[in-house]
């Protein structure tokens, strides 16, 4: 997939690849930490997202919701 997209798909949300489309990665394996799924119609992706980035001396990223802003005031990768 990375070769086809000509991008390193490291995170769950990859916006504006080639300015024509976006790629959202989700695991369909059992016992994953997020409950990402398609709704019953198969046309809406319910995406729990990803963890807060790990910062030195910061909280466990799995234990808190991702904040809207980083400690230096920049927006985090959050979707509304």
C-alpha atoms as a PDB file:
ATOM      1  CA  UNK A   1       0.000   0.000   0.000  1.00  0.00           C
ATOM      2  CA  UNK A   2       2.844   2.425   0.848  1.00  0.00           C
ATOM      3  CA  UNK A   3       4.355   1.874  -2.591  1.00  0.00           C
ATOM      4  CA  UNK A   4       1.024   2.468  -4.323  1.00  0.00           C
ATOM      5  CA  UNK A   5       0.347   5.634  -2.302  1.00  0.00           C
ATOM      6  CA  UNK A   6       3.986   6.787  -2.582  1.00  0.00           C
ATOM      7  CA  UNK A   7       3.825   7.618   1.129  1.00  0.00           C
ATOM      8  CA  UNK A   8       4.973   6.152   4.422  1.00  0.00           C
ATOM      9  CA  UNK A   9       1.663   5.290   6.070  1.00  0.00           C
ATOM     10  CA  UNK A  10       2.738   5.297   9.717  1.00  0.00           C
ATOM     11  CA  UNK A  11      -0.313   6.801  11.407  1.00  0.00           C
ATOM     12  CA  UNK A  12      -3.984   6.017  11.230  1.00  0.00           C
ATOM     13  CA  UNK A  13      -4.997   9.158   9.353  1.00  0.00           C
ATOM     14  CA  UNK A  14      -3.152  10.270   6.226  1.00  0.00           C
ATOM     15  CA  UNK A  15      -4.800  13.334   4.723  1.00  0.00           C
ATOM     16  CA  UNK A  16      -4.541  14.783   1.223  1.00  0.00           C
ATOM     17  CA  UNK A  17      -2.247  12.210  -0.352  1.00  0.00           C
ATOM     18  CA  UNK A  18      -1.454  13.670  -3.737  1.00  0.00           C
ATOM     19  CA  UNK A  19      -4.195  16.216  -2.920  1.00  0.00           C
ATOM     20  CA  UNK A  20      -6.790  13.837  -4.335  1.00  0.00           C
ATOM     21  CA  UNK A  21      -7.678  11.491  -1.475  1.00  0.00           C
ATOM     22  CA  UNK A  22      -6.960  10.469   2.102  1.00  0.00           C
ATOM     23  CA  UNK A  23      -6.154   7.079   3.632  1.00  0.00           C
ATOM     24  CA  UNK A  24      -7.427   6.018   7.053  1.00  0.00           C
ATOM     25  CA  UNK A  25      -5.887   2.863   8.471  1.00  0.00           C
ATOM     26  CA  UNK A  26      -7.809   0.674  10.877  1.00  0.00           C
ATOM     27  CA  UNK A  27      -7.127  -2.769  12.238  1.00  0.00           C
ATOM     28  CA  UNK A  28      -9.728  -5.469  11.807  1.00  0.00           C
ATOM     29  CA  UNK A  29      -7.887  -7.954  14.014  1.00  0.00           C
ATOM     30  CA  UNK A  30      -9.581  -9.260  17.158  1.00  0.00           C
ATOM     31  CA  UNK A  31      -8.659  -7.678  20.514  1.00  0.00           C
ATOM     32  CA  UNK A  32      -7.354  -4.386  19.094  1.00  0.00           C
ATOM     33  CA  UNK A  33      -7.223  -1.395  21.433  1.00  0.00           C
ATOM     34  CA  UNK A  34      -9.630   0.749  19.377  1.00  0.00           C
ATOM     35  CA  UNK A  35     -13.194  -0.042  18.378  1.00  0.00           C
ATOM     36  CA  UNK A  36     -12.921   1.286  14.805  1.00  0.00           C
ATOM     37  CA  UNK A  37     -15.684  -0.133  12.614  1.00  0.00           C
ATOM     38  CA  UNK A  38     -18.094   0.541   9.774  1.00  0.00           C
ATOM     39  CA  UNK A  39     -21.676   1.258  10.757  1.00  0.00           C
ATOM     40  CA  UNK A  40     -24.459  -1.169   9.845  1.00  0.00           C
ATOM     41  CA  UNK A  41     -24.867   0.456   6.402  1.00  0.00           C
ATOM     42  CA  UNK A  42     -21.171   0.023   5.654  1.00  0.00           C
ATOM     43  CA  UNK A  43     -20.883   3.636   4.553  1.00  0.00           C
ATOM     44  CA  UNK A  44     -19.802   5.441   7.755  1.00  0.00           C
ATOM     45  CA  UNK A  45     -16.491   4.771   9.465  1.00  0.00           C
ATOM     46  CA  UNK A  46     -16.667   5.075  13.249  1.00  0.00           C
ATOM     47  CA  UNK A  47     -13.041   5.879  14.088  1.00  0.00           C
ATOM     48  CA  UNK A  48     -11.925   6.088  17.707  1.00  0.00           C
ATOM     49  CA  UNK A  49      -8.703   7.675  16.610  1.00  0.00           C
ATOM     50  CA  UNK A  50      -5.287   7.430  18.066  1.00  0.00           C
ATOM     51  CA  UNK A  51      -3.506   8.075  21.340  1.00  0.00           C
ATOM     52  CA  UNK A  52      -2.043  11.274  22.610  1.00  0.00           C
ATOM     53  CA  UNK A  53       1.647  11.461  21.591  1.00  0.00           C
ATOM     54  CA  UNK A  54       4.099  10.159  24.165  1.00  0.00           C
ATOM     55  CA  UNK A  55       5.993  12.982  25.882  1.00  0.00           C
ATOM     56  CA  UNK A  56       8.855  12.641  28.337  1.00  0.00           C
ATOM     57  CA  UNK A  57       7.446  12.829  31.875  1.00  0.00           C
ATOM     58  CA  UNK A  58       3.935  12.897  30.365  1.00  0.00           C
ATOM     59  CA  UNK A  59       0.974  10.680  31.169  1.00  0.00           C
ATOM     60  CA  UNK A  60       0.495   7.216  29.717  1.00  0.00           C
ATOM     61  CA  UNK A  61      -0.932   7.936  26.220  1.00  0.00           C
ATOM     62  CA  UNK A  62      -3.398   5.046  26.570  1.00  0.00           C
ATOM     63  CA  UNK A  63      -4.814   6.460  29.813  1.00  0.00           C
ATOM     64  CA  UNK A  64      -5.930   9.902  28.592  1.00  0.00           C
ATOM     65  CA  UNK A  65      -7.868  11.393  25.707  1.00  0.00           C
ATOM     66  CA  UNK A  66      -5.766  13.221  23.153  1.00  0.00           C
ATOM     67  CA  UNK A  67      -5.747  16.939  24.016  1.00  0.00           C
ATOM     68  CA  UNK A  68      -6.662  19.602  21.481  1.00  0.00           C
ATOM     69  CA  UNK A  69      -3.250  21.321  21.791  1.00  0.00           C
ATOM     70  CA  UNK A  70       0.324  20.182  22.401  1.00  0.00           C
ATOM     71  CA  UNK A  71       2.261  21.636  25.363  1.00  0.00           C
ATOM     72  CA  UNK A  72       3.756  24.290  23.045  1.00  0.00           C
ATOM     73  CA  UNK A  73       0.283  25.444  21.915  1.00  0.00           C
ATOM     74  CA  UNK A  74       0.133  23.810  18.477  1.00  0.00           C
ATOM     75  CA  UNK A  75      -2.977  21.825  17.524  1.00  0.00           C
ATOM     76  CA  UNK A  76      -2.739  18.050  17.819  1.00  0.00           C
ATOM     77  CA  UNK A  77      -3.929  15.676  15.122  1.00  0.00           C
ATOM     78  CA  UNK A  78      -7.554  15.650  16.132  1.00  0.00           C
ATOM     79  CA  UNK A  79     -10.688  15.408  14.003  1.00  0.00           C
ATOM     80  CA  UNK A  80     -13.967  17.095  14.759  1.00  0.00           C
END
